[in-house]
Amino acid sequence: MITQLAQQIPVTVTEGPPGVHIGNGRGYCIAWERHSMDWHLLWIVVLDESGQVIVAPNKFIRVDPNWTAGRS
């Protein structure tokens, strides 16, 4: 199931596991993809620098700081 987000979420995609290049850097999550409860949530992200659209597993996503939410 793909869920399109009404508001994009600013995120940072970290390095993937050794030998796997999924793309990394800052960007905006535009949707989530979920196959079943046994899978990681997949984030569909548009990277700022390259404009590349990638699908990254949940464990490689970090949301940006937000002082109103208390995340520094």
N, C-alpha and C. Protein backbone atom coordinates (compact mmCIF):
# COMPACT_ATOMS: atom_id res chain seq x y z
N MET A 1 0.84 -1.17 0.00
CA MET A 1 0.00 0.00 0.00
C MET A 1 0.89 1.24 0.00
N ILE A 2 0.61 2.20 -0.87
CA ILE A 2 1.35 3.45 -0.92
C ILE A 2 0.46 4.55 -0.36
N THR A 3 1.03 5.34 0.55
CA THR A 3 0.31 6.47 1.14
C THR A 3 1.00 7.76 0.71
N GLN A 4 0.33 8.58 -0.10
CA GLN A 4 0.89 9.87 -0.49
C GLN A 4 0.70 10.84 0.66
N LEU A 5 1.75 11.57 1.00
CA LEU A 5 1.68 12.51 2.12
C LEU A 5 1.14 13.86 1.66
N ALA A 6 0.23 14.43 2.42
CA ALA A 6 -0.31 15.74 2.11
C ALA A 6 0.75 16.82 2.34
N GLN A 7 1.60 16.61 3.34
CA GLN A 7 2.72 17.52 3.64
C GLN A 7 4.00 16.72 3.49
N GLN A 8 4.94 17.22 2.71
CA GLN A 8 6.23 16.54 2.59
C GLN A 8 6.99 16.64 3.90
N ILE A 9 7.80 15.61 4.21
CA ILE A 9 8.57 15.58 5.44
C ILE A 9 10.05 15.73 5.08
N PRO A 10 10.74 16.78 5.61
CA PRO A 10 12.17 16.90 5.33
C PRO A 10 12.94 15.82 6.09
N VAL A 11 13.79 15.08 5.36
CA VAL A 11 14.52 13.97 5.94
C VAL A 11 15.97 13.95 5.44
N THR A 12 16.77 13.15 6.12
CA THR A 12 18.12 12.84 5.67
C THR A 12 18.21 11.33 5.49
N VAL A 13 18.68 10.89 4.34
CA VAL A 13 18.87 9.47 4.07
C VAL A 13 20.34 9.17 4.38
N THR A 14 20.58 8.22 5.30
CA THR A 14 21.94 7.86 5.68
C THR A 14 22.50 6.84 4.71
N GLU A 15 23.78 6.53 4.85
CA GLU A 15 24.41 5.52 4.01
C GLU A 15 23.72 4.18 4.20
N GLY A 16 23.55 3.45 3.14
CA GLY A 16 22.99 2.11 3.22
C GLY A 16 24.04 1.11 3.66
N PRO A 17 23.71 -0.15 3.69
CA PRO A 17 24.67 -1.18 4.09
C PRO A 17 25.83 -1.25 3.08
N PRO A 18 26.99 -1.78 3.48
CA PRO A 18 28.13 -1.89 2.57
C PRO A 18 27.76 -2.63 1.29
N GLY A 19 28.17 -2.06 0.17
CA GLY A 19 27.91 -2.69 -1.12
C GLY A 19 26.56 -2.37 -1.73
N VAL A 20 25.71 -1.65 -1.00
CA VAL A 20 24.38 -1.29 -1.52
C VAL A 20 24.27 0.22 -1.54
N HIS A 21 24.07 0.78 -2.73
CA HIS A 21 23.94 2.23 -2.85
C HIS A 21 22.49 2.58 -3.16
N ILE A 22 21.82 3.17 -2.17
CA ILE A 22 20.43 3.54 -2.37
C ILE A 22 20.29 5.04 -2.62
N GLY A 23 21.40 5.77 -2.60
CA GLY A 23 21.36 7.22 -2.68
C GLY A 23 21.28 7.75 -1.26
N ASN A 24 21.93 8.87 -1.01
CA ASN A 24 21.86 9.43 0.33
C ASN A 24 21.93 10.95 0.26
N GLY A 25 21.60 11.58 1.37
CA GLY A 25 21.61 13.03 1.45
C GLY A 25 20.27 13.55 1.95
N ARG A 26 20.11 14.87 1.85
CA ARG A 26 18.88 15.50 2.32
C ARG A 26 17.84 15.51 1.21
N GLY A 27 16.58 15.45 1.64
CA GLY A 27 15.49 15.47 0.67
C GLY A 27 14.15 15.55 1.36
N TYR A 28 13.11 15.27 0.62
CA TYR A 28 11.74 15.31 1.15
C TYR A 28 11.04 13.99 0.88
N CYS A 29 10.43 13.45 1.92
CA CYS A 29 9.61 12.25 1.77
C CYS A 29 8.27 12.68 1.19
N ILE A 30 7.87 12.04 0.10
CA ILE A 30 6.59 12.39 -0.53
C ILE A 30 5.53 11.31 -0.34
N ALA A 31 5.98 10.09 0.06
CA ALA A 31 5.03 8.99 0.26
C ALA A 31 5.70 7.88 1.06
N TRP A 32 4.87 6.99 1.60
CA TRP A 32 5.33 5.79 2.28
C TRP A 32 4.79 4.58 1.54
N GLU A 33 5.56 3.50 1.58
CA GLU A 33 5.12 2.25 0.99
C GLU A 33 5.22 1.16 2.06
N ARG A 34 4.15 0.41 2.21
CA ARG A 34 4.14 -0.67 3.20
C ARG A 34 3.56 -1.91 2.55
N HIS A 35 4.32 -3.00 2.61
CA HIS A 35 3.88 -4.25 1.99
C HIS A 35 3.08 -5.11 2.96
N SER A 36 3.58 -5.23 4.19
CA SER A 36 2.88 -5.99 5.21
C SER A 36 3.48 -5.62 6.55
N MET A 37 2.91 -6.16 7.62
CA MET A 37 3.43 -5.82 8.94
C MET A 37 4.79 -6.45 9.21
N ASP A 38 5.26 -7.35 8.38
CA ASP A 38 6.56 -7.98 8.55
C ASP A 38 7.68 -7.24 7.82
N TRP A 39 7.37 -6.20 7.09
CA TRP A 39 8.36 -5.45 6.33
C TRP A 39 8.65 -4.12 7.00
N HIS A 40 9.84 -3.56 6.72
CA HIS A 40 10.14 -2.19 7.11
C HIS A 40 9.22 -1.25 6.33
N LEU A 41 8.89 -0.14 6.95
CA LEU A 41 8.21 0.93 6.22
C LEU A 41 9.21 1.48 5.21
N LEU A 42 8.81 1.64 3.97
CA LEU A 42 9.68 2.19 2.93
C LEU A 42 9.31 3.64 2.68
N TRP A 43 10.30 4.52 2.65
CA TRP A 43 10.10 5.95 2.46
C TRP A 43 10.45 6.29 1.02
N ILE A 44 9.55 6.96 0.32
CA ILE A 44 9.81 7.42 -1.04
C ILE A 44 10.26 8.87 -0.92
N VAL A 45 11.53 9.10 -1.28
CA VAL A 45 12.18 10.38 -1.02
C VAL A 45 12.71 10.98 -2.32
N VAL A 46 12.53 12.29 -2.48
CA VAL A 46 13.15 13.04 -3.57
C VAL A 46 14.37 13.74 -2.98
N LEU A 47 15.57 13.39 -3.48
CA LEU A 47 16.80 13.98 -2.96
C LEU A 47 17.00 15.39 -3.52
N ASP A 48 17.41 16.31 -2.64
CA ASP A 48 17.59 17.71 -3.03
C ASP A 48 18.68 17.89 -4.09
N GLU A 49 19.84 17.30 -3.86
CA GLU A 49 21.01 17.56 -4.70
C GLU A 49 20.84 17.03 -6.12
N SER A 50 20.37 15.80 -6.26
CA SER A 50 20.31 15.17 -7.59
C SER A 50 18.91 15.16 -8.19
N GLY A 51 17.88 15.35 -7.36
CA GLY A 51 16.51 15.23 -7.85
C GLY A 51 16.07 13.79 -8.02
N GLN A 52 16.94 12.87 -7.63
CA GLN A 52 16.66 11.44 -7.75
C GLN A 52 15.54 11.05 -6.78
N VAL A 53 14.64 10.18 -7.24
CA VAL A 53 13.60 9.63 -6.39
C VAL A 53 14.06 8.25 -5.96
N ILE A 54 14.14 8.02 -4.65
CA ILE A 54 14.61 6.74 -4.14
C ILE A 54 13.59 6.16 -3.17
N VAL A 55 13.70 4.87 -2.95
CA VAL A 55 12.89 4.19 -1.94
C VAL A 55 13.88 3.65 -0.92
N ALA A 56 13.78 4.15 0.32
CA ALA A 56 14.74 3.79 1.36
C ALA A 56 14.02 3.12 2.52
N PRO A 57 14.61 2.05 3.06
CA PRO A 57 14.03 1.40 4.24
C PRO A 57 14.05 2.34 5.44
N ASN A 58 13.14 2.12 6.34
CA ASN A 58 12.97 2.96 7.53
C ASN A 58 14.27 3.17 8.31
N LYS A 59 15.11 2.15 8.41
CA LYS A 59 16.31 2.26 9.25
C LYS A 59 17.36 3.20 8.67
N PHE A 60 17.22 3.65 7.43
CA PHE A 60 18.17 4.59 6.84
C PHE A 60 17.64 6.02 6.75
N ILE A 61 16.51 6.29 7.41
CA ILE A 61 15.88 7.61 7.36
C ILE A 61 16.02 8.29 8.72
N ARG A 62 16.39 9.57 8.70
CA ARG A 62 16.41 10.40 9.90
C ARG A 62 15.63 11.67 9.60
N VAL A 63 14.64 11.97 10.44
CA VAL A 63 13.88 13.21 10.23
C VAL A 63 14.73 14.39 10.69
N ASP A 64 14.52 15.53 10.07
CA ASP A 64 15.30 16.72 10.39
C ASP A 64 14.89 17.30 11.74
N PRO A 65 15.80 18.08 12.34
CA PRO A 65 15.46 18.74 13.61
C PRO A 65 14.23 19.64 13.45
N ASN A 66 13.45 19.73 14.52
CA ASN A 66 12.26 20.58 14.53
C ASN A 66 12.06 21.09 15.94
N TRP A 67 12.38 22.36 16.17
CA TRP A 67 12.33 22.88 17.54
C TRP A 67 10.90 22.91 18.10
N THR A 68 9.88 23.03 17.24
CA THR A 68 8.51 23.03 17.75
C THR A 68 8.08 21.66 18.25
N ALA A 69 8.71 20.60 17.72
CA ALA A 69 8.41 19.25 18.16
C ALA A 69 9.38 18.78 19.23
N GLY A 70 10.35 19.63 19.60
CA GLY A 70 11.31 19.27 20.62
C GLY A 70 12.44 18.37 20.13
N ARG A 71 12.64 18.29 18.79
CA ARG A 71 13.73 17.49 18.22
C ARG A 71 14.86 18.41 17.85
N SER A 72 16.00 18.26 18.53
CA SER A 72 17.15 19.11 18.17
C SER A 72 18.26 18.32 17.54
